[in-house]
Protein backbone atom coordinates (compact mmCIF):
# COMPACT_ATOMS: atom_id res chain seq x y z
CA MET A 1 31.38 91.39 -10.01
CA SER A 2 31.93 93.98 -7.30
CA SER A 3 34.74 93.68 -4.84
CA PRO A 4 34.00 93.68 -1.15
CA LEU A 5 36.58 96.40 -0.69
CA ARG A 6 34.45 98.74 -2.71
CA ARG A 7 31.72 98.48 -0.13
CA SER A 8 34.16 99.08 2.71
CA VAL A 9 35.99 102.07 1.15
CA SER A 10 34.06 105.30 1.27
CA ARG A 11 33.87 107.27 -1.93
CA SER A 12 33.37 110.47 -0.15
CA SER A 13 36.18 112.93 -0.45
CA PRO A 14 36.90 115.90 1.80
CA ALA A 15 36.89 118.05 -1.24
CA ARG A 16 33.26 117.27 -1.77
CA HIS A 17 32.27 119.31 1.26
CA THR A 18 32.60 122.97 1.92
CA PRO A 19 34.55 124.17 4.90
CA ASN A 20 31.40 124.81 6.78
CA GLY A 21 29.81 121.54 5.64
CA ILE A 22 27.51 123.26 3.11
CA ARG A 23 27.94 122.65 -0.57
CA ARG A 24 27.01 125.43 -2.81
CA THR A 25 26.11 124.61 -6.31
CA PRO A 26 24.75 126.99 -8.86
CA ALA A 27 21.22 126.53 -9.87
CA ASN A 28 22.16 125.52 -13.37
CA GLY A 29 24.87 123.11 -12.15
CA ARG A 30 27.66 125.11 -13.50
CA ALA A 31 30.04 127.29 -11.54
CA SER A 32 29.80 130.76 -12.39
CA ILE A 33 32.99 132.36 -13.55
CA LEU A 34 33.84 135.00 -11.11
CA VAL A 35 36.95 136.69 -12.09
CA ASP A 36 36.20 139.71 -10.37
CA SER A 37 37.65 138.62 -7.08
CA PRO A 38 41.04 137.07 -6.15
CA ALA A 39 39.34 135.24 -3.37
CA GLN A 40 36.96 133.79 -5.78
CA GLN A 41 39.83 132.84 -7.99
CA LEU A 42 41.54 131.18 -5.07
CA ALA A 43 38.40 129.33 -4.17
CA ASP A 44 38.06 128.12 -7.69
CA ASP A 45 41.64 126.94 -7.75
CA PHE A 46 41.15 125.18 -4.48
CA SER A 47 37.97 123.61 -5.80
CA ARG A 48 39.80 122.35 -8.84
CA ILE A 49 42.53 120.95 -6.63
CA VAL A 50 39.94 119.25 -4.52
CA LEU A 51 38.10 117.99 -7.58
CA ASP A 52 41.31 116.65 -9.09
CA ALA A 53 42.23 115.00 -5.83
CA ASP A 54 38.81 113.54 -5.63
CA ARG A 55 39.02 112.34 -9.24
CA ASP A 56 42.39 110.77 -8.59
CA PHE A 57 41.05 109.14 -5.47
CA ARG A 58 38.10 107.72 -7.31
CA ASN A 59 40.28 106.45 -10.15
CA ARG A 60 42.65 104.77 -7.71
CA LEU A 61 39.66 103.32 -5.88
CA ASP A 62 38.17 102.04 -9.11
CA ALA A 63 41.50 100.59 -10.16
CA THR A 64 41.87 98.89 -6.81
CA SER A 65 38.35 97.53 -7.06
CA ASP A 66 38.97 96.29 -10.58
CA GLU A 67 42.20 94.65 -9.48
CA GLN A 68 40.48 93.00 -6.54
CA GLU A 69 37.69 91.83 -8.81
CA ARG A 70 40.22 90.42 -11.24
CA CYS A 71 42.05 88.67 -8.42
CA HIS A 72 38.80 87.27 -7.10
CA LEU A 73 37.77 86.04 -10.52
CA GLU A 74 41.14 84.46 -11.02
CA ALA A 75 40.89 82.83 -7.58
CA LEU A 76 37.40 81.53 -8.36
CA ALA A 77 38.53 80.24 -11.72
CA LYS A 78 41.51 78.56 -10.12
CA ALA A 79 39.31 77.05 -7.41
CA LEU A 80 36.85 75.87 -10.06
CA ALA A 81 39.67 74.32 -12.05
CA GLU A 82 41.02 72.61 -8.95
CA HIS A 83 37.55 71.41 -8.05
CA GLU A 84 37.05 70.06 -11.55
CA ALA A 85 40.42 68.34 -11.35
CA VAL A 86 39.50 66.80 -8.02
CA ARG A 87 36.13 65.67 -9.40
CA ALA A 88 37.74 64.17 -12.49
CA SER A 89 40.28 62.39 -10.30
CA ALA A 90 37.48 61.07 -8.11
CA GLU A 91 35.59 59.89 -11.17
CA ARG A 92 38.64 58.09 -12.46
CA ALA A 93 39.21 56.55 -9.05
CA ARG A 94 35.59 55.44 -8.93
CA GLU A 95 35.85 53.90 -12.39
CA ARG A 96 39.05 52.14 -11.46
CA LEU A 97 37.41 50.84 -8.28
CA GLU A 98 34.33 49.64 -10.15
CA LEU A 99 36.48 47.93 -12.76
CA GLU A 100 38.54 46.32 -10.03
CA MET A 101 35.42 45.19 -8.22
CA GLU A 102 33.96 43.82 -11.45
CA ARG A 103 37.17 41.92 -12.16
CA MET A 104 37.17 40.58 -8.62
CA LYS A 105 33.50 39.55 -8.94
CA GLN A 106 34.11 37.83 -12.26
CA LYS A 107 37.13 36.08 -10.85
CA ARG A 108 35.22 35.02 -7.76
CA GLU A 109 32.32 33.73 -9.85
CA ALA A 110 34.71 31.90 -12.14
CA ASP A 111 36.44 30.37 -9.13
CA GLU A 112 33.14 29.38 -7.57
CA LYS A 113 31.90 27.92 -10.84
CA ALA A 114 35.12 26.00 -11.28
CA GLY A 115 34.88 24.79 -7.68
CA VAL A 116 31.26 23.69 -8.13
CA GLU A 117 32.15 21.91 -11.33
CA ARG A 118 35.07 20.18 -9.65
CA GLU A 119 32.81 19.20 -6.74
CA ARG A 120 30.15 17.98 -9.15
CA ARG A 121 32.65 15.90 -11.06
CA LYS A 122 34.02 14.57 -7.79
CA VAL A 123 30.55 13.63 -6.53
CA ALA A 124 29.67 12.09 -9.89
CA ASP A 125 32.87 10.08 -9.89
CA GLU A 126 32.27 8.95 -6.30
CA ARG A 127 28.66 8.07 -7.09
CA ALA A 128 29.67 6.17 -10.19
CA ALA A 129 32.31 4.33 -8.22
CA ALA A 130 29.80 3.59 -5.44
CA ASP A 131 27.18 2.43 -7.97
CA GLU A 132 29.72 0.26 -9.66
CA ALA A 133 30.79 -1.19 -6.33
CA GLN A 134 27.17 -1.69 -5.29
CA GLU A 135 26.31 -3.27 -8.63
CA GLN A 136 29.33 -5.53 -8.33
CA GLU A 137 28.32 -6.41 -4.79
CA ARG A 138 24.74 -6.99 -5.91
CA ARG A 139 25.86 -9.27 -8.73
CA GLU A 140 28.09 -11.19 -6.38
CA HIS A 141 25.30 -11.39 -3.81
CA GLU A 142 22.78 -12.49 -6.44
CA GLU A 143 25.17 -15.18 -7.59
CA LYS A 144 25.68 -16.34 -4.02
CA ALA A 145 21.97 -16.02 -3.22
CA GLY A 146 21.09 -17.84 -6.42
CA ALA A 147 23.47 -20.65 -5.54
CA LYS A 148 22.11 -20.82 -1.99
CA LEU A 149 18.56 -20.61 -3.29
CA LYS A 150 19.15 -23.44 -5.72
CA VAL A 151 20.59 -25.56 -2.94
CA LYS A 152 17.71 -24.62 -0.63
CA GLN A 153 15.12 -25.28 -3.32
CA GLU A 154 16.72 -28.60 -4.13
CA ASN A 155 16.61 -29.49 -0.44
CA ASP A 156 13.01 -28.26 -0.23
CA ARG A 157 12.15 -30.35 -3.29
CA LYS A 158 13.70 -33.41 -1.77
CA ALA A 159 11.99 -32.73 1.57
CA ALA A 160 8.66 -32.11 -0.18
CA LYS A 161 9.08 -35.28 -2.19
CA GLU A 162 9.94 -37.26 0.92
CA LYS A 163 7.00 -35.69 2.76
CA GLU A 164 4.73 -36.43 -0.19
CA GLU A 165 5.88 -40.04 -0.22
CA SER A 166 5.38 -40.23 3.53
CA ASP A 167 1.93 -38.67 3.19
CA GLU A 168 1.12 -41.08 0.41
CA ARG A 169 2.16 -44.01 2.57
CA ARG A 170 0.09 -42.70 5.47
CA ARG A 171 -2.86 -42.12 3.18
CA THR A 172 -2.55 -45.59 1.71
CA GLU A 173 -2.33 -47.07 5.18
CA ALA A 174 -5.38 -45.03 6.24
CA GLU A 175 -7.31 -46.18 3.18
CA GLU A 176 -6.29 -49.77 3.80
CA ALA A 177 -7.29 -49.47 7.44
CA GLN A 178 -10.60 -47.91 6.42
CA ALA A 179 -11.15 -50.62 3.84
CA ARG A 180 -10.45 -53.28 6.47
CA SER A 181 -12.79 -51.50 8.88
CA ASP A 182 -15.50 -51.30 6.22
CA ALA A 183 -14.99 -54.94 5.33
CA THR A 184 -15.20 -55.92 8.99
CA ALA A 185 -18.32 -53.81 9.51
CA LYS A 186 -19.86 -55.29 6.35
CA ALA A 187 -19.05 -58.79 7.51
CA GLN A 188 -20.61 -58.08 10.87
CA ARG A 189 -23.72 -56.66 9.23
CA ASP A 190 -23.94 -59.67 6.91
CA ALA A 191 -23.52 -62.03 9.85
CA GLN A 192 -26.19 -60.21 11.83
CA ALA A 193 -28.51 -60.22 8.85
CA THR A 194 -27.91 -63.93 8.29
CA GLN A 195 -28.50 -64.67 11.95
CA GLN A 196 -31.65 -62.56 11.96
CA ALA A 197 -32.89 -64.24 8.78
CA ALA A 198 -32.28 -67.66 10.35
CA GLN A 199 -34.24 -66.69 13.43
CA THR A 200 -37.20 -65.09 11.58
CA PRO A 201 -37.31 -66.59 8.11
CA GLN A 202 -40.85 -65.36 7.48
CA ALA A 203 -39.88 -61.65 7.93
CA VAL A 204 -39.11 -59.82 4.74
CA PRO A 205 -37.03 -56.66 5.32
CA SER A 206 -38.25 -53.60 3.50
CA PRO A 207 -35.94 -51.93 0.96
CA ALA A 208 -36.11 -48.68 2.87
CA ALA A 209 -34.86 -50.38 6.01
CA GLN A 210 -31.84 -51.80 4.17
CA ALA A 211 -30.99 -48.59 2.38
CA PRO A 212 -27.90 -46.74 3.68
CA PRO A 213 -28.25 -43.25 5.14
CA PRO A 214 -28.93 -40.73 2.40
CA ASN A 215 -25.94 -38.73 1.21
CA VAL A 216 -26.21 -35.14 0.06
CA ARG A 217 -24.63 -35.10 -3.39
CA PRO A 218 -24.67 -31.97 -5.57
CA PRO A 219 -26.03 -32.68 -9.05
CA ALA A 220 -23.34 -32.53 -11.71
CA ALA A 221 -25.47 -30.51 -14.09
CA SER A 222 -26.15 -27.67 -11.66
CA ALA A 223 -22.59 -27.14 -10.44
CA PRO A 224 -20.45 -25.23 -12.95
CA HIS A 225 -16.92 -26.52 -13.30
CA VAL A 226 -14.05 -24.29 -12.32
CA ASN A 227 -12.90 -24.02 -15.93
CA GLY A 228 -16.35 -23.54 -17.38
CA THR A 229 -16.83 -27.17 -18.57
CA ALA A 230 -19.30 -29.67 -17.24
CA PRO A 231 -17.89 -31.85 -14.48
CA THR A 232 -17.59 -35.56 -15.01
CA THR A 233 -19.63 -38.01 -12.96
CA GLN A 234 -17.70 -39.24 -9.95
CA PRO A 235 -18.38 -42.76 -8.60
CA PRO A 236 -19.70 -42.86 -5.04
CA LEU A 237 -17.03 -42.89 -2.38
CA ALA A 238 -16.79 -45.44 0.39
CA ALA A 239 -19.86 -45.54 2.59
CA ALA A 240 -19.62 -43.18 5.54
CA THR A 241 -19.94 -44.59 9.02
CA HIS A 242 -21.42 -41.37 10.38
CA PRO A 243 -25.03 -40.49 9.46
CA HIS A 244 -24.01 -36.95 8.43
CA ALA A 245 -21.18 -37.92 6.07
CA THR A 246 -21.37 -36.01 2.80
CA THR A 247 -19.89 -36.46 -0.67
CA VAL A 248 -18.99 -33.91 -3.32
CA ASP A 249 -18.66 -33.82 -7.07
CA SER A 250 -15.55 -34.35 -9.17
CA ALA A 251 -14.71 -30.61 -9.25
CA ALA A 252 -13.93 -30.69 -5.55
CA LEU A 253 -11.82 -33.82 -5.97
CA GLN A 254 -9.89 -32.29 -8.85
CA HIS A 255 -9.19 -29.08 -6.96
CA CYS A 256 -8.15 -30.47 -3.61
CA GLY A 257 -5.39 -32.64 -4.99
CA PRO A 258 -4.42 -36.12 -3.85
CA LEU A 259 -5.66 -35.68 -0.27
CA THR A 260 -9.27 -34.83 -1.01
CA PRO A 261 -10.90 -38.22 -1.77
CA THR A 262 -10.25 -39.39 1.77
CA SER A 263 -10.47 -36.03 3.54
CA ILE A 264 -14.16 -35.34 2.87
CA VAL A 265 -15.45 -38.52 4.45
CA THR A 266 -14.69 -40.41 7.64
CA PRO A 267 -10.86 -40.57 7.99
CA MET A 268 -9.92 -37.61 10.15
CA ASN A 269 -6.19 -38.29 9.82
CA ALA A 270 -6.31 -37.20 6.16
CA ARG A 271 -7.92 -33.90 7.15
CA GLU A 272 -5.34 -33.45 9.88
CA LEU A 273 -2.57 -34.16 7.40
CA GLU A 274 -3.94 -31.65 4.92
CA HIS A 275 -4.43 -29.09 7.70
CA GLN A 276 -0.84 -29.56 8.85
CA ARG A 277 0.45 -29.10 5.30
CA TYR A 278 -1.30 -25.73 5.10
CA LEU A 279 0.01 -24.74 8.54
CA ASP A 280 3.51 -25.61 7.34
CA LEU A 281 2.88 -23.47 4.25
CA HIS A 282 1.82 -20.62 6.53
CA LYS A 283 5.18 -20.84 8.32
CA ARG A 284 7.05 -20.94 5.01
CA LEU A 285 5.19 -17.83 3.86
CA LYS A 286 6.21 -15.92 6.99
CA GLN A 287 9.82 -16.93 6.43
CA MET A 288 9.54 -16.05 2.75
CA ARG A 289 8.37 -12.53 3.57
CA ARG A 290 11.29 -12.06 5.95
CA ASP A 291 13.74 -13.36 3.34
CA VAL A 292 12.31 -11.11 0.64
CA LEU A 293 12.55 -8.03 2.85
CA ALA A 294 16.13 -8.91 3.78
CA GLU A 295 17.00 -9.35 0.10
CA ALA A 296 15.28 -6.06 -0.76
CA HIS A 297 17.28 -4.35 1.98
CA ARG A 298 20.53 -5.69 0.56
CA MET A 299 19.52 -4.49 -2.91
CA GLY A 300 18.51 -1.06 -1.60
CA VAL A 301 14.81 -1.39 -2.56
CA LYS A 302 13.29 -2.26 0.81
CA ASP A 303 11.71 1.18 1.24
CA ARG A 304 10.08 0.98 -2.18
CA LEU A 305 8.75 -2.51 -1.50
CA SER A 306 7.47 -1.45 1.93
CA ASP A 307 5.74 1.54 0.35
CA LYS A 308 3.94 -0.76 -2.09
CA ARG A 309 2.93 -3.01 0.79
CA ARG A 310 1.38 -0.04 2.62
CA GLU A 311 -0.33 1.13 -0.58
CA LEU A 312 -1.80 -2.36 -1.00
CA THR A 313 -3.18 -2.37 2.54
CA THR A 314 -4.78 1.04 1.97
CA ALA A 315 -6.26 0.05 -1.40
CA ILE A 316 -7.85 -3.16 -0.07
CA GLY A 317 -9.49 -1.07 2.64
CA GLN A 318 -11.17 1.03 -0.08
CA THR A 319 -13.48 -1.69 -1.42
CA ASN A 320 -16.99 -0.38 -2.05
CA LYS A 321 -20.18 -2.43 -1.73
CA HIS A 322 -22.41 0.33 -3.12
CA ASP A 323 -20.55 1.82 -6.10
CA LYS A 324 -19.56 -0.70 -8.79
CA ALA A 325 -17.44 1.84 -10.67
CA ALA A 326 -15.49 2.66 -7.53
CA GLN A 327 -15.08 -1.07 -6.83
CA GLN A 328 -13.72 -1.65 -10.36
CA ALA A 329 -11.28 1.23 -9.90
CA THR A 330 -10.13 -0.26 -6.59
CA MET A 331 -9.54 -3.67 -8.19
CA ARG A 332 -7.49 -2.09 -10.98
CA LYS A 333 -5.52 -0.12 -8.40
CA VAL A 334 -4.79 -3.26 -6.37
CA ARG A 335 -3.69 -5.13 -9.50
CA ASP A 336 -1.36 -2.28 -10.50
CA ILE A 337 0.14 -2.11 -6.99
CA VAL A 338 0.79 -5.86 -6.95
CA LEU A 339 2.43 -5.72 -10.39
CA ALA A 340 4.53 -2.70 -9.36
CA GLY A 341 5.65 -4.49 -6.20
CA ALA A 342 6.53 -7.59 -8.22
CA SER A 343 8.68 -5.53 -10.61
CA ILE A 344 10.69 -4.04 -7.71
CA LEU A 345 12.18 -7.44 -6.87
CA PRO A 346 12.09 -9.61 -10.03
CA LEU A 347 14.46 -12.22 -8.55
CA LYS A 348 13.11 -15.66 -9.58
CA VAL A 349 12.29 -18.23 -6.90
CA ASP A 350 10.71 -21.66 -7.01
CA ILE A 351 6.97 -21.36 -6.33
CA SER A 352 6.31 -25.09 -5.90
CA PRO A 353 6.92 -25.00 -2.10
CA TYR A 354 4.04 -22.51 -1.86
CA ILE A 355 1.50 -24.62 -3.78
CA ILE A 356 -0.50 -27.48 -2.23
CA SER A 357 -3.73 -27.74 -4.21
CA VAL A 358 -1.79 -28.75 -7.34
CA SER A 359 0.29 -31.90 -6.99
CA PRO A 360 4.01 -31.80 -7.85
CA GLU A 361 3.37 -34.24 -10.71
CA ALA A 362 0.75 -31.92 -12.19
CA LEU A 363 3.09 -28.94 -11.82
CA LYS A 364 5.86 -30.71 -13.67
CA GLY A 365 3.44 -32.08 -16.23
CA ASN A 366 1.97 -28.68 -17.08
CA ASN A 367 5.19 -26.68 -17.12
CA ALA A 368 8.65 -27.63 -16.03
CA ASP A 369 9.40 -24.00 -15.16
CA THR A 370 8.01 -23.49 -11.66
CA PHE A 371 9.85 -20.24 -10.98
CA GLY A 372 8.23 -16.85 -10.39
CA PRO A 373 9.19 -13.36 -9.18
CA ALA A 374 9.95 -13.13 -5.47
CA GLY A 375 8.27 -9.72 -5.39
CA LEU A 376 5.03 -11.26 -6.70
CA LEU A 377 5.06 -13.94 -4.00
CA PHE A 378 5.62 -11.25 -1.37
CA MET A 379 2.80 -8.99 -2.62
CA LEU A 380 0.24 -11.80 -3.02
CA SER A 381 1.13 -13.21 0.40
CA TRP A 382 0.60 -9.78 1.91
CA LEU A 383 -2.67 -9.41 -0.01
CA ALA A 384 -3.92 -12.70 1.48
CA LYS A 385 -2.93 -11.56 4.96
CA THR A 386 -4.66 -8.19 4.49
CA VAL A 387 -7.85 -9.79 3.11
CA ILE A 388 -8.15 -11.98 6.22
CA ARG A 389 -7.73 -8.88 8.38
CA GLN A 390 -10.44 -7.06 6.44
CA PHE A 391 -12.86 -9.96 6.92
CA ALA A 392 -12.22 -9.91 10.66
CA ALA A 393 -12.51 -6.11 10.89
CA GLU A 394 -15.41 -5.33 8.53
CA ALA A 395 -17.38 -8.46 7.65
CA SER A 396 -17.68 -9.51 11.28
CA ASP A 397 -20.19 -6.72 11.94
CA ASP A 398 -21.48 -6.11 8.41
CA GLY A 399 -21.60 -9.35 6.45
CA LYS A 400 -22.39 -7.57 3.20
CA ALA A 401 -18.99 -5.86 3.36
CA ALA A 402 -17.40 -9.25 2.61
CA ASP A 403 -18.77 -9.46 -0.93
CA PRO A 404 -16.61 -6.74 -2.57
CA ILE A 405 -13.57 -8.09 -0.72
CA GLY A 406 -14.32 -11.58 -2.00
CA VAL A 407 -14.74 -10.31 -5.57
CA LEU A 408 -11.45 -8.45 -5.30
CA THR A 409 -9.65 -11.50 -3.94
CA VAL A 410 -10.69 -14.02 -6.61
CA THR A 411 -10.20 -11.42 -9.36
CA ILE A 412 -6.61 -10.78 -8.30
CA PHE A 413 -5.71 -14.47 -7.94
CA ALA A 414 -7.38 -15.26 -11.29
CA ASN A 415 -5.55 -12.50 -13.17
CA PRO A 416 -3.23 -14.08 -15.79
CA ASP A 417 -0.53 -11.49 -15.07
CA LEU A 418 -0.46 -12.62 -11.43
CA ARG A 419 -0.34 -16.38 -12.12
CA PRO A 420 3.27 -17.47 -12.74
CA ASN A 421 3.20 -19.98 -15.60
CA GLY A 422 -0.59 -20.07 -15.28
CA ILE A 423 -0.53 -21.37 -11.70
CA PRO A 424 -2.82 -19.55 -9.22
CA LEU A 425 -1.16 -18.80 -5.89
CA ILE A 426 -4.37 -18.78 -3.86
CA ASP A 427 -3.01 -21.50 -1.55
CA MET A 428 -1.39 -18.58 0.28
CA LEU A 429 -4.89 -17.45 1.23
CA TRP A 430 -6.00 -20.95 2.27
CA ALA A 431 -2.87 -21.30 4.42
CA LYS A 432 -3.87 -18.16 6.32
CA TYR A 433 -7.46 -19.45 6.58
CA HIS A 434 -6.21 -22.76 8.01
CA LYS A 435 -4.30 -20.75 10.61
CA VAL A 436 -7.14 -18.47 11.76
CA CYS A 437 -10.24 -20.63 11.11
CA PRO A 438 -9.44 -24.37 11.01
CA ALA A 439 -13.08 -25.33 11.62
CA LEU A 440 -13.87 -24.34 8.02
CA PHE A 441 -11.79 -27.31 6.89
CA GLY A 442 -13.28 -29.97 9.16
CA ILE A 443 -10.97 -29.49 12.13
CA SER A 444 -12.89 -30.04 15.36
CA GLY A 445 -12.13 -29.91 19.05
CA THR A 446 -13.36 -28.84 22.42
CA GLN A 447 -13.56 -25.24 23.55
CA ASN A 448 -13.22 -26.14 27.21
CA THR A 449 -9.41 -26.23 27.17
CA LYS A 450 -6.70 -23.84 26.05
CA ALA A 451 -5.27 -26.41 23.66
CA GLY A 452 -8.71 -27.04 22.17
CA ARG A 453 -9.29 -23.34 21.57
CA LEU A 454 -5.89 -22.94 19.96
CA ARG A 455 -6.70 -25.90 17.74
CA LEU A 456 -9.89 -24.16 16.59
CA GLY A 457 -8.07 -20.88 15.82
CA TRP A 458 -9.05 -18.88 18.91
CA ASP A 459 -7.05 -15.82 19.87
CA LEU A 460 -6.41 -16.32 23.58
CA ASP A 461 -5.64 -12.62 24.04
CA GLU A 462 -9.26 -11.71 23.16
CA ASP A 463 -12.50 -12.48 24.92
CA ASP A 464 -15.16 -14.88 23.66
CA ALA A 465 -17.26 -12.17 22.00
CA ALA A 466 -14.30 -10.88 20.01
CA ASN A 467 -13.40 -14.37 18.84
CA TYR A 468 -16.95 -15.11 17.72
CA ARG A 469 -16.94 -11.82 15.77
CA ARG A 470 -13.74 -12.90 14.03
CA PHE A 471 -15.22 -16.28 13.11
CA ARG A 472 -18.34 -14.58 11.72
CA GLY A 473 -16.16 -12.46 9.45
CA PHE A 474 -14.05 -15.44 8.35
CA ALA A 475 -17.14 -17.54 7.55
CA VAL A 476 -18.95 -14.94 5.46
CA GLY A 477 -15.66 -14.03 3.79
CA PHE A 478 -15.05 -17.67 2.87
CA ALA A 479 -18.50 -17.84 1.28
CA ALA A 480 -17.86 -14.56 -0.57
CA ILE A 481 -14.70 -16.05 -2.09
CA THR A 482 -15.86 -19.59 -2.94
CA LEU A 483 -19.39 -18.84 -4.25
CA ARG A 484 -18.42 -16.77 -7.29
CA ASP A 485 -19.73 -17.37 -10.80
CA PHE A 486 -16.92 -17.67 -13.36
CA SER A 487 -19.09 -19.08 -16.15
CA LYS A 488 -18.68 -15.89 -18.20
CA SER A 489 -15.03 -15.26 -17.33
CA ARG A 490 -12.10 -16.15 -19.56
CA ASN A 491 -10.01 -16.91 -16.48
CA PRO A 492 -10.32 -20.11 -14.43
CA ASN A 493 -11.84 -19.80 -10.98
CA PRO A 494 -8.98 -19.98 -8.43
CA ALA A 495 -11.52 -20.75 -5.66
CA PRO A 496 -13.97 -23.32 -7.10
CA ASN A 497 -17.49 -23.51 -5.70
CA ALA A 498 -16.74 -27.10 -4.64
CA LEU A 499 -14.60 -25.70 -1.81
CA TYR A 500 -17.73 -24.29 -0.21
CA TRP A 501 -19.51 -27.65 -0.51
CA THR A 502 -16.47 -29.45 0.89
CA SER A 503 -16.28 -27.12 3.89
CA LEU A 504 -20.00 -27.52 4.60
CA ALA A 505 -19.74 -31.30 4.29
CA ARG A 506 -16.78 -31.55 6.62
CA ILE A 507 -18.47 -29.46 9.31
CA LEU A 508 -21.68 -31.50 9.07
CA SER A 509 -19.71 -34.75 9.33
CA THR A 510 -18.14 -33.75 12.65
CA PRO A 511 -18.51 -36.71 15.05
CA ALA A 512 -20.87 -36.31 17.97
CA GLY A 513 -19.10 -34.97 21.02
CA LEU A 514 -16.63 -32.92 18.99
CA GLN A 515 -19.10 -30.29 17.85
CA SER A 516 -18.45 -26.77 19.15
CA SER A 517 -20.03 -23.35 19.25
CA THR A 518 -17.32 -22.21 16.85
CA GLN A 519 -18.63 -24.63 14.19
CA TYR A 520 -22.23 -23.54 14.65
CA THR A 521 -21.26 -19.87 14.44
CA ILE A 522 -19.28 -20.49 11.25
CA LEU A 523 -21.99 -22.67 9.73
CA GLN A 524 -24.74 -20.08 10.35
CA HIS A 525 -22.85 -17.18 8.79
CA MET A 526 -21.47 -19.04 5.79
CA ILE A 527 -25.07 -20.00 4.89
CA HIS A 528 -27.16 -17.00 5.87
CA LEU A 529 -26.13 -14.25 3.44
CA TYR A 530 -25.11 -16.58 0.58
CA VAL A 531 -27.94 -19.10 0.58
CA HIS A 532 -29.18 -17.80 -2.79
CA ARG A 533 -25.79 -18.33 -4.41
CA PHE A 534 -25.47 -21.79 -2.86
CA ILE A 535 -28.82 -22.80 -4.32
CA GLN A 536 -27.90 -21.17 -7.65
CA PHE A 537 -24.90 -23.50 -7.98
CA TYR A 538 -26.24 -26.71 -6.41
CA GLY A 539 -30.02 -26.48 -6.65
CA GLY A 540 -31.99 -29.07 -4.68
CA ALA A 541 -28.83 -30.59 -3.24
CA ALA A 542 -28.05 -27.25 -1.63
CA ILE A 543 -31.52 -27.12 -0.04
CA ALA A 544 -31.03 -30.64 1.32
CA ALA A 545 -27.64 -29.66 2.75
CA ILE A 546 -29.11 -26.53 4.36
CA ARG A 547 -31.90 -28.63 5.85
CA LYS A 548 -29.32 -30.96 7.41
CA ALA A 549 -27.37 -27.95 8.73
CA CYS A 550 -30.44 -26.35 10.28
CA TYR A 551 -32.21 -29.43 11.68
CA ASP A 552 -30.10 -32.59 11.85
CA PHE A 553 -26.77 -31.08 12.88
CA PRO A 554 -28.09 -28.95 15.79
CA ALA A 555 -30.10 -31.94 17.04
CA THR A 556 -26.87 -33.75 17.94
CA ALA A 557 -25.25 -30.74 19.63
CA PRO A 558 -24.07 -31.24 23.21
CA ARG A 559 -26.20 -29.57 25.85
CA LEU A 560 -25.04 -27.00 28.33
CA ALA A 561 -24.64 -27.90 31.98
CA SER A 562 -27.97 -26.18 32.63
CA GLY A 563 -29.67 -28.49 30.14
CA GLY A 564 -30.33 -25.83 27.51
CA ASP A 565 -28.86 -25.20 24.09
CA ASP A 566 -25.77 -23.17 23.44
CA PRO A 567 -26.62 -19.69 21.99
CA ALA A 568 -24.85 -20.61 18.75
CA VAL A 569 -26.97 -23.77 18.46
CA GLN A 570 -30.14 -21.76 19.11
CA ALA A 571 -29.11 -19.29 16.39
CA MET A 572 -28.58 -22.20 13.99
CA LYS A 573 -32.01 -23.62 14.81
CA SER A 574 -33.63 -20.22 14.17
CA LEU A 575 -31.90 -19.81 10.80
CA PRO A 576 -34.83 -21.37 8.83
CA PHE A 577 -37.11 -18.61 10.11
CA SER A 578 -34.64 -15.95 8.94
CA LEU A 579 -34.37 -17.63 5.52
CA GLN A 580 -38.15 -17.78 5.25
CA LYS A 581 -38.47 -14.10 6.17
CA GLU A 582 -35.64 -12.73 4.05
CA TYR A 583 -35.59 -15.08 1.03
CA GLN A 584 -39.04 -16.75 1.24
CA LEU A 585 -37.18 -20.06 1.41
CA THR A 586 -39.02 -22.89 3.09
CA LEU A 587 -36.85 -25.86 4.03
């Protein structure tokens, strides 16, 4: 390495130049030895002096350069060593910092983990304590609710028993009054006949003239029993005082309980009593749903139960009249939803207050245990409510939409898993039907007053057209439910075909002056789309009943102020033409 001083110090020496600035050098590079002249000798000596001085100068310069180079090298080496020391110190500092940061990170993570674990244990302990407290509260509440429920059910049982005894007394009094009235009428007829015979002894009355008005009675052989067995022959009931009175077979009497034998024929008080019992059941069902939701709220399962209720409403709206596979899937889905809802609230309640079609004696005789899950009562009650809504919304405009809903309804109520102790809970559906469409059960009244319309099930917040649409849906829906064939089913029919016959008979036996457009609308639509099923179950008796509905019943309808027929009566009179055109049925 060269020193910078070497570049700055000139190597030229004054001895290198001649006095006149011209250097003379022999041609061969060697000085010629001139000893012949003292001047030459002096010049040579001077040259040697100059050369020696120059040599010394160069040696000193080289020594200085070498020393400077050595000093520079030593300085560079020292700087390099210091730099290396600084770098090593920095590396050690970095490593110490990284280690410190790693220790701090590990400590922080350990602290955080310990904190999370402590928080988790704290939350778990609090949750366990809360669950334990809630469970304790639930047990205490269930014990209190059970005690209250037992007291309430005992009171309800006593009230039902007292009401049943009162109803029995009223029914007995009505039967006795009817028997006295029949006896009086018979005595009057006998007296008139005797008097007439005394006045005209030669006249012989014809048998046809003495025969009572013909009754439409369904043949026992053509009407399948609700349990698949042949119905027994029922003796004729008391003679009806109205020419359109109708009788039914023993299946109807067995289904409708103790009120039915007097409610099909003349006594209207028995029908009113039965109707009021179903209206009372409708109120109890509304209260039951409120109680169940309150209980579910206290148990913390109200949201789950409400979700199942919404799922049930959605599923019932998915019935399919075109695709049987889709309809079967919908029925399975509805059954699963009802069962899931029942399992959410398995609290047992007495189901006897929600059953009318089976007498209390029959309930106790079949099975002393009349308790069922409260969740099941809630879900089936909501199903009945939703089915009625579907009839009003869909079947009112498209009658064929009622058939899959009817199939779904009877299938659910006939399912063994949804019948507590084998008892069908379909009275929930009939209670709703009594509320929205009383005319189906023989309740009559005038449409000219607000009270009369309320009595017939009218919604006063809707116009006439909307109400008639509702009644159309209810009528065709009722037929879709009650005209189902269970002859090949292992389950008993929860809605026997006799209910359809009973409804038809009660409407046709409405006294003159109490007939209404509501009845004619219902009668037309419960016959029109299901006439083939009606004839399938009751044969010639069904045709005779349809003939009475189409000809005899409209003939006694009250006229309008203008003298013409009500549009509903005109539609009923034109029904035979529709049956002839669509089903080739000639009445």
